[in-house]
PDB file of N, CA and C in Angstrom:
ATOM      1  N   UNK A   1       6.614  -8.916  11.163  1.00  0.00           N
ATOM      2  CA  UNK A   1       6.408  -9.241   9.775  1.00  0.00           C
ATOM      3  C   UNK A   1       6.758  -8.005   8.949  1.00  0.00           C
ATOM      4  N   UNK A   2       7.427  -8.227   7.827  1.00  0.00           N
ATOM      5  CA  UNK A   2       7.836  -7.129   6.960  1.00  0.00           C
ATOM      6  C   UNK A   2       7.219  -7.291   5.583  1.00  0.00           C
ATOM      7  N   UNK A   3       6.683  -6.183   5.043  1.00  0.00           N
ATOM      8  CA  UNK A   3       6.162  -6.165   3.678  1.00  0.00           C
ATOM      9  C   UNK A   3       6.802  -4.992   2.939  1.00  0.00           C
ATOM     10  N   UNK A   4       6.711  -5.056   1.623  1.00  0.00           N
ATOM     11  CA  UNK A   4       7.182  -3.962   0.789  1.00  0.00           C
ATOM     12  C   UNK A   4       5.986  -3.322   0.119  1.00  0.00           C
ATOM     13  N   UNK A   5       5.869  -2.014   0.255  1.00  0.00           N
ATOM     14  CA  UNK A   5       4.829  -1.268  -0.438  1.00  0.00           C
ATOM     15  C   UNK A   5       5.416  -0.732  -1.733  1.00  0.00           C
ATOM     16  N   UNK A   6       4.633  -0.779  -2.800  1.00  0.00           N
ATOM     17  CA  UNK A   6       5.040  -0.239  -4.092  1.00  0.00           C
ATOM     18  C   UNK A   6       4.038   0.855  -4.466  1.00  0.00           C
ATOM     19  N   UNK A   7       4.567   2.008  -4.874  1.00  0.00           N
ATOM     20  CA  UNK A   7       3.743   3.169  -5.168  1.00  0.00           C
ATOM     21  C   UNK A   7       3.846   3.552  -6.642  1.00  0.00           C
ATOM     22  N   UNK A   8       2.744   4.055  -7.187  1.00  0.00           N
ATOM     23  CA  UNK A   8       2.688   4.488  -8.571  1.00  0.00           C
ATOM     24  C   UNK A   8       2.075   5.887  -8.649  1.00  0.00           C
ATOM     25  N   UNK A   9       2.476   6.640  -9.661  1.00  0.00           N
ATOM     26  CA  UNK A   9       1.895   7.941  -9.979  1.00  0.00           C
ATOM     27  C   UNK A   9       1.884   8.864  -8.761  1.00  0.00           C
ATOM     28  N   UNK A  10       0.728   9.412  -8.441  1.00  0.00           N
ATOM     29  CA  UNK A  10       0.630  10.388  -7.352  1.00  0.00           C
ATOM     30  C   UNK A  10       0.959   9.761  -5.997  1.00  0.00           C
ATOM     31  N   UNK A  11       0.701   8.481  -5.829  1.00  0.00           N
ATOM     32  CA  UNK A  11       1.061   7.841  -4.549  1.00  0.00           C
ATOM     33  C   UNK A  11       2.577   7.829  -4.370  1.00  0.00           C
ATOM     34  N   UNK A  12       3.316   7.663  -5.468  1.00  0.00           N
ATOM     35  CA  UNK A  12       4.778   7.719  -5.410  1.00  0.00           C
ATOM     36  C   UNK A  12       5.230   9.130  -5.018  1.00  0.00           C
ATOM     37  N   UNK A  13       4.569  10.147  -5.557  1.00  0.00           N
ATOM     38  CA  UNK A  13       4.906  11.530  -5.208  1.00  0.00           C
ATOM     39  C   UNK A  13       4.661  11.794  -3.725  1.00  0.00           C
ATOM     40  N   UNK A  14       3.526  11.329  -3.208  1.00  0.00           N
ATOM     41  CA  UNK A  14       3.201  11.555  -1.797  1.00  0.00           C
ATOM     42  C   UNK A  14       4.111  10.763  -0.860  1.00  0.00           C
ATOM     43  N   UNK A  15       4.497   9.570  -1.278  1.00  0.00           N
ATOM     44  CA  UNK A  15       5.368   8.738  -0.444  1.00  0.00           C
ATOM     45  C   UNK A  15       6.819   9.209  -0.495  1.00  0.00           C
ATOM     46  N   UNK A  16       7.187   9.853  -1.598  1.00  0.00           N
ATOM     47  CA  UNK A  16       8.567  10.292  -1.751  1.00  0.00           C
ATOM     48  C   UNK A  16       9.509   9.172  -2.168  1.00  0.00           C
ATOM     49  N   UNK A  17       8.948   8.050  -2.616  1.00  0.00           N
ATOM     50  CA  UNK A  17       9.747   6.907  -3.050  1.00  0.00           C
ATOM     51  C   UNK A  17       8.852   5.986  -3.872  1.00  0.00           C
ATOM     52  N   UNK A  18       9.460   5.043  -4.579  1.00  0.00           N
ATOM     53  CA  UNK A  18       8.655   4.107  -5.362  1.00  0.00           C
ATOM     54  C   UNK A  18       8.397   2.803  -4.602  1.00  0.00           C
ATOM     55  N   UNK A  19       9.267   2.481  -3.643  1.00  0.00           N
ATOM     56  CA  UNK A  19       9.048   1.313  -2.783  1.00  0.00           C
ATOM     57  C   UNK A  19       9.419   1.686  -1.352  1.00  0.00           C
ATOM     58  N   UNK A  20       8.792   0.995  -0.419  1.00  0.00           N
ATOM     59  CA  UNK A  20       9.023   1.277   0.996  1.00  0.00           C
ATOM     60  C   UNK A  20       8.824  -0.014   1.775  1.00  0.00           C
ATOM     61  N   UNK A  21       9.857  -0.456   2.451  1.00  0.00           N
ATOM     62  CA  UNK A  21       9.777  -1.667   3.260  1.00  0.00           C
ATOM     63  C   UNK A  21       9.412  -1.273   4.688  1.00  0.00           C
ATOM     64  N   UNK A  22       8.477  -2.019   5.286  1.00  0.00           N
ATOM     65  CA  UNK A  22       7.975  -1.649   6.604  1.00  0.00           C
ATOM     66  C   UNK A  22       7.696  -2.883   7.446  1.00  0.00           C
ATOM     67  N   UNK A  23       8.114  -2.827   8.699  1.00  0.00           N
ATOM     68  CA  UNK A  23       7.748  -3.860   9.677  1.00  0.00           C
ATOM     69  C   UNK A  23       6.343  -3.526  10.138  1.00  0.00           C
ATOM     70  N   UNK A  24       5.397  -4.395   9.846  1.00  0.00           N
ATOM     71  CA  UNK A  24       3.997  -4.127  10.169  1.00  0.00           C
ATOM     72  C   UNK A  24       3.517  -4.920  11.382  1.00  0.00           C
ATOM     73  N   UNK A  25       4.447  -5.450  12.144  1.00  0.00           N
ATOM     74  CA  UNK A  25       4.087  -6.168  13.367  1.00  0.00           C
ATOM     75  C   UNK A  25       3.227  -7.382  13.076  1.00  0.00           C
ATOM     76  N   UNK A  26       2.102  -7.480  13.749  1.00  0.00           N
ATOM     77  CA  UNK A  26       1.213  -8.638  13.629  1.00  0.00           C
ATOM     78  C   UNK A  26       0.056  -8.399  12.662  1.00  0.00           C
ATOM     79  N   UNK A  27       0.191  -7.434  11.761  1.00  0.00           N
ATOM     80  CA  UNK A  27      -0.874  -7.157  10.798  1.00  0.00           C
ATOM     81  C   UNK A  27      -1.242  -8.426  10.032  1.00  0.00           C
ATOM     82  N   UNK A  28      -2.523  -8.613   9.790  1.00  0.00           N
ATOM     83  CA  UNK A  28      -3.006  -9.830   9.137  1.00  0.00           C
ATOM     84  C   UNK A  28      -3.597  -9.577   7.753  1.00  0.00           C
ATOM     85  N   UNK A  29      -4.020  -8.327   7.478  1.00  0.00           N
ATOM     86  CA  UNK A  29      -4.698  -8.017   6.220  1.00  0.00           C
ATOM     87  C   UNK A  29      -4.078  -6.779   5.570  1.00  0.00           C
ATOM     88  N   UNK A  30      -4.462  -6.551   4.322  1.00  0.00           N
ATOM     89  CA  UNK A  30      -4.024  -5.333   3.631  1.00  0.00           C
ATOM     90  C   UNK A  30      -4.438  -4.111   4.444  1.00  0.00           C
ATOM     91  N   UNK A  31      -5.645  -4.098   4.958  1.00  0.00           N
ATOM     92  CA  UNK A  31      -6.133  -2.965   5.739  1.00  0.00           C
ATOM     93  C   UNK A  31      -5.261  -2.717   6.972  1.00  0.00           C
ATOM     94  N   UNK A  32      -4.876  -3.770   7.677  1.00  0.00           N
ATOM     95  CA  UNK A  32      -3.996  -3.631   8.840  1.00  0.00           C
ATOM     96  C   UNK A  32      -2.642  -3.035   8.430  1.00  0.00           C
ATOM     97  N   UNK A  33      -2.109  -3.524   7.303  1.00  0.00           N
ATOM     98  CA  UNK A  33      -0.818  -3.039   6.820  1.00  0.00           C
ATOM     99  C   UNK A  33      -0.908  -1.573   6.416  1.00  0.00           C
ATOM    100  N   UNK A  34      -2.020  -1.187   5.781  1.00  0.00           N
ATOM    101  CA  UNK A  34      -2.204   0.210   5.393  1.00  0.00           C
ATOM    102  C   UNK A  34      -2.232   1.116   6.616  1.00  0.00           C
ATOM    103  N   UNK A  35      -2.871   0.668   7.681  1.00  0.00           N
ATOM    104  CA  UNK A  35      -2.913   1.468   8.910  1.00  0.00           C
ATOM    105  C   UNK A  35      -1.507   1.750   9.415  1.00  0.00           C
ATOM    106  N   UNK A  36      -0.632   0.746   9.372  1.00  0.00           N
ATOM    107  CA  UNK A  36       0.771   0.940   9.777  1.00  0.00           C
ATOM    108  C   UNK A  36       1.487   1.883   8.811  1.00  0.00           C
ATOM    109  N   UNK A  37       1.224   1.729   7.514  1.00  0.00           N
ATOM    110  CA  UNK A  37       1.845   2.602   6.522  1.00  0.00           C
ATOM    111  C   UNK A  37       1.458   4.058   6.761  1.00  0.00           C
ATOM    112  N   UNK A  38       0.181   4.308   7.048  1.00  0.00           N
ATOM    113  CA  UNK A  38      -0.283   5.683   7.241  1.00  0.00           C
ATOM    114  C   UNK A  38       0.329   6.323   8.485  1.00  0.00           C
ATOM    115  N   UNK A  39       0.753   5.531   9.443  1.00  0.00           N
ATOM    116  CA  UNK A  39       1.468   6.089  10.597  1.00  0.00           C
ATOM    117  C   UNK A  39       2.814   6.664  10.152  1.00  0.00           C
ATOM    118  N   UNK A  40       3.446   6.034   9.177  1.00  0.00           N
ATOM    119  CA  UNK A  40       4.749   6.477   8.664  1.00  0.00           C
ATOM    120  C   UNK A  40       4.624   7.539   7.573  1.00  0.00           C
ATOM    121  N   UNK A  41       3.601   7.409   6.730  1.00  0.00           N
ATOM    122  CA  UNK A  41       3.416   8.304   5.587  1.00  0.00           C
ATOM    123  C   UNK A  41       1.947   8.726   5.516  1.00  0.00           C
ATOM    124  N   UNK A  42       1.535   9.644   6.415  1.00  0.00           N
ATOM    125  CA  UNK A  42       0.117   9.995   6.536  1.00  0.00           C
ATOM    126  C   UNK A  42      -0.497  10.643   5.292  1.00  0.00           C
ATOM    127  N   UNK A  43       0.286  11.284   4.455  1.00  0.00           N
ATOM    128  CA  UNK A  43      -0.272  11.912   3.252  1.00  0.00           C
ATOM    129  C   UNK A  43      -0.904  10.902   2.306  1.00  0.00           C
ATOM    130  N   UNK A  44      -0.462   9.662   2.356  1.00  0.00           N
ATOM    131  CA  UNK A  44      -1.021   8.629   1.475  1.00  0.00           C
ATOM    132  C   UNK A  44      -2.471   8.299   1.794  1.00  0.00           C
ATOM    133  N   UNK A  45      -2.892   8.560   3.002  1.00  0.00           N
ATOM    134  CA  UNK A  45      -4.250   8.187   3.408  1.00  0.00           C
ATOM    135  C   UNK A  45      -5.314   8.918   2.595  1.00  0.00           C
ATOM    136  N   UNK A  46      -4.997  10.115   2.088  1.00  0.00           N
ATOM    137  CA  UNK A  46      -5.999  10.845   1.308  1.00  0.00           C
ATOM    138  C   UNK A  46      -6.333  10.149  -0.016  1.00  0.00           C
ATOM    139  N   UNK A  47      -5.507   9.199  -0.459  1.00  0.00           N
ATOM    140  CA  UNK A  47      -5.777   8.469  -1.695  1.00  0.00           C
ATOM    141  C   UNK A  47      -6.536   7.166  -1.478  1.00  0.00           C
ATOM    142  N   UNK A  48      -6.707   6.767  -0.235  1.00  0.00           N
ATOM    143  CA  UNK A  48      -7.221   5.421   0.062  1.00  0.00           C
ATOM    144  C   UNK A  48      -8.562   5.124  -0.603  1.00  0.00           C
ATOM    145  N   UNK A  49      -9.502   6.024  -0.542  1.00  0.00           N
ATOM    146  CA  UNK A  49     -10.846   5.740  -1.069  1.00  0.00           C
ATOM    147  C   UNK A  49     -10.862   5.593  -2.589  1.00  0.00           C
ATOM    148  N   UNK A  50      -9.923   6.218  -3.287  1.00  0.00           N
ATOM    149  CA  UNK A  50      -9.911   6.175  -4.753  1.00  0.00           C
ATOM    150  C   UNK A  50      -8.922   5.162  -5.313  1.00  0.00           C
ATOM    151  N   UNK A  51      -8.112   4.564  -4.463  1.00  0.00           N
ATOM    152  CA  UNK A  51      -7.060   3.663  -4.941  1.00  0.00           C
ATOM    153  C   UNK A  51      -7.502   2.209  -4.967  1.00  0.00           C
ATOM    154  N   UNK A  52      -6.798   1.449  -5.794  1.00  0.00           N
ATOM    155  CA  UNK A  52      -6.930  -0.004  -5.793  1.00  0.00           C
ATOM    156  C   UNK A  52      -5.658  -0.564  -5.175  1.00  0.00           C
ATOM    157  N   UNK A  53      -5.712  -1.813  -4.771  1.00  0.00           N
ATOM    158  CA  UNK A  53      -4.575  -2.443  -4.103  1.00  0.00           C
ATOM    159  C   UNK A  53      -4.292  -3.790  -4.748  1.00  0.00           C
ATOM    160  N   UNK A  54      -3.052  -4.204  -4.670  1.00  0.00           N
ATOM    161  CA  UNK A  54      -2.660  -5.521  -5.156  1.00  0.00           C
ATOM    162  C   UNK A  54      -1.698  -6.136  -4.158  1.00  0.00           C
ATOM    163  N   UNK A  55      -1.761  -7.445  -4.041  1.00  0.00           N
ATOM    164  CA  UNK A  55      -0.782  -8.205  -3.267  1.00  0.00           C
ATOM    165  C   UNK A  55      -0.092  -9.104  -4.280  1.00  0.00           C
ATOM    166  N   UNK A  56       1.203  -8.885  -4.438  1.00  0.00           N
ATOM    167  CA  UNK A  56       1.919  -9.570  -5.506  1.00  0.00           C
ATOM    168  C   UNK A  56       1.418  -9.054  -6.842  1.00  0.00           C
ATOM    169  N   UNK A  57       0.993  -9.951  -7.705  1.00  0.00           N
ATOM    170  CA  UNK A  57       0.508  -9.570  -9.035  1.00  0.00           C
ATOM    171  C   UNK A  57      -1.008  -9.557  -9.146  1.00  0.00           C
ATOM    172  N   UNK A  58      -1.700  -9.827  -8.034  1.00  0.00           N
ATOM    173  CA  UNK A  58      -3.157  -9.933  -8.063  1.00  0.00           C
ATOM    174  C   UNK A  58      -3.824  -8.784  -7.324  1.00  0.00           C
ATOM    175  N   UNK A  59      -4.870  -8.214  -7.952  1.00  0.00           N
ATOM    176  CA  UNK A  59      -5.649  -7.200  -7.253  1.00  0.00           C
ATOM    177  C   UNK A  59      -6.193  -7.783  -5.960  1.00  0.00           C
ATOM    178  N   UNK A  60      -6.342  -6.926  -4.955  1.00  0.00           N
ATOM    179  CA  UNK A  60      -6.760  -7.402  -3.640  1.00  0.00           C
ATOM    180  C   UNK A  60      -7.717  -6.410  -2.994  1.00  0.00           C
ATOM    181  N   UNK A  61      -8.579  -6.920  -2.138  1.00  0.00           N
ATOM    182  CA  UNK A  61      -9.407  -6.065  -1.300  1.00  0.00           C
ATOM    183  C   UNK A  61      -8.618  -5.764  -0.027  1.00  0.00           C
ATOM    184  N   UNK A  62      -9.132  -4.850   0.764  1.00  0.00           N
ATOM    185  CA  UNK A  62      -8.473  -4.535   2.033  1.00  0.00           C
ATOM    186  C   UNK A  62      -8.549  -5.712   3.007  1.00  0.00           C
ATOM    187  N   UNK A  63      -9.487  -6.623   2.793  1.00  0.00           N
ATOM    188  CA  UNK A  63      -9.631  -7.787   3.671  1.00  0.00           C
ATOM    189  C   UNK A  63      -8.687  -8.930   3.297  1.00  0.00           C
ATOM    190  N   UNK A  64      -7.941  -8.784   2.216  1.00  0.00           N
ATOM    191  CA  UNK A  64      -7.019  -9.827   1.745  1.00  0.00           C
ATOM    192  C   UNK A  64      -5.988 -10.148   2.820  1.00  0.00           C
ATOM    193  N   UNK A  65      -5.840 -11.420   3.182  1.00  0.00           N
ATOM    194  CA  UNK A  65      -4.778 -11.809   4.125  1.00  0.00           C
ATOM    195  C   UNK A  65      -3.402 -11.577   3.498  1.00  0.00           C
ATOM    196  N   UNK A  66      -2.434 -11.251   4.341  1.00  0.00           N
ATOM    197  CA  UNK A  66      -1.059 -11.053   3.880  1.00  0.00           C
ATOM    198  C   UNK A  66      -0.127 -11.907   4.717  1.00  0.00           C
ATOM    199  N   UNK A  67       1.089 -12.082   4.170  1.00  0.00           N
ATOM    200  CA  UNK A  67       2.096 -12.854   4.906  1.00  0.00           C
ATOM    201  C   UNK A  67       3.435 -12.125   4.816  1.00  0.00           C
ATOM    202  N   UNK A  68       4.349 -12.531   5.632  1.00  0.00           N
ATOM    203  CA  UNK A  68       5.672 -11.940   5.670  1.00  0.00           C
ATOM    204  C   UNK A  68       6.304 -11.969   4.280  1.00  0.00           C
ATOM    205  N   UNK A  69       6.857 -10.832   3.866  1.00  0.00           N
ATOM    206  CA  UNK A  69       7.535 -10.744   2.584  1.00  0.00           C
ATOM    207  C   UNK A  69       6.659 -10.331   1.418  1.00  0.00           C
ATOM    208  N   UNK A  70       5.353 -10.195   1.639  1.00  0.00           N
ATOM    209  CA  UNK A  70       4.461  -9.798   0.546  1.00  0.00           C
ATOM    210  C   UNK A  70       4.792  -8.395   0.046  1.00  0.00           C
ATOM    211  N   UNK A  71       4.407  -8.137  -1.206  1.00  0.00           N
ATOM    212  CA  UNK A  71       4.517  -6.814  -1.797  1.00  0.00           C
ATOM    213  C   UNK A  71       3.098  -6.297  -2.020  1.00  0.00           C
ATOM    214  N   UNK A  72       2.814  -5.126  -1.443  1.00  0.00           N
ATOM    215  CA  UNK A  72       1.494  -4.512  -1.555  1.00  0.00           C
ATOM    216  C   UNK A  72       1.631  -3.274  -2.416  1.00  0.00           C
ATOM    217  N   UNK A  73       0.881  -3.231  -3.513  1.00  0.00           N
ATOM    218  CA  UNK A  73       0.914  -2.073  -4.400  1.00  0.00           C
ATOM    219  C   UNK A  73      -0.287  -1.184  -4.144  1.00  0.00           C
ATOM    220  N   UNK A  74      -0.029   0.113  -4.162  1.00  0.00           N
ATOM    221  CA  UNK A  74      -1.093   1.105  -4.065  1.00  0.00           C
ATOM    222  C   UNK A  74      -1.229   1.721  -5.449  1.00  0.00           C
ATOM    223  N   UNK A  75      -2.395   1.545  -6.059  1.00  0.00           N
ATOM    224  CA  UNK A  75      -2.614   1.959  -7.435  1.00  0.00           C
ATOM    225  C   UNK A  75      -3.675   3.053  -7.458  1.00  0.00           C
ATOM    226  N   UNK A  76      -3.238   4.312  -7.595  1.00  0.00           N
ATOM    227  CA  UNK A  76      -4.207   5.415  -7.615  1.00  0.00           C
ATOM    228  C   UNK A  76      -4.951   5.461  -8.943  1.00  0.00           C
ATOM    229  N   UNK A  77      -6.001   6.272  -9.021  1.00  0.00           N
ATOM    230  CA  UNK A  77      -6.728   6.386 -10.296  1.00  0.00           C
ATOM    231  C   UNK A  77      -5.786   6.824 -11.413  1.00  0.00           C
ATOM    232  N   UNK A  78      -6.038   6.317 -12.600  1.00  0.00           N
ATOM    233  CA  UNK A  78      -5.221   6.655 -13.755  1.00  0.00           C
ATOM    234  C   UNK A  78      -5.618   8.030 -14.267  1.00  0.00           C
ATOM    235  N   UNK A  79      -4.613   8.823 -14.578  1.00  0.00           N
ATOM    236  CA  UNK A  79      -4.862  10.144 -15.163  1.00  0.00           C
ATOM    237  C   UNK A  79      -4.379  10.117 -16.601  1.00  0.00           C
ATOM    238  N   UNK A  80      -5.011  10.851 -17.433  1.00  0.00           N
ATOM    239  CA  UNK A  80      -4.574  10.881 -18.812  1.00  0.00           C
ATOM    240  C   UNK A  80      -5.271  11.985 -19.568  1.00  0.00           C
ATOM    241  N   UNK A  81      -4.921  12.066 -20.791  1.00  0.00           N
ATOM    242  CA  UNK A  81      -5.561  13.125 -21.559  1.00  0.00           C
ATOM    243  C   UNK A  81      -5.258  12.990 -23.015  1.00  0.00           C
TER     244      UNK A  81
END
């Protein structure tokens, strides 16, 4: 199964790209997919506790089921001033 990860702000800096397509094998949830992502891009794991996630256009929990072709966004805390 393949999904596309979309990164914003500091997550984009850590990933080194704004999108990343990954074969996640038999992953069933956002959490499973994140585990596969962290194997490829381990620096992103430091943002996990502070980030929100979305599948498609809807916010999602880590328990959210996923399917082939989904887009998972990693949304770090907003910075501003």
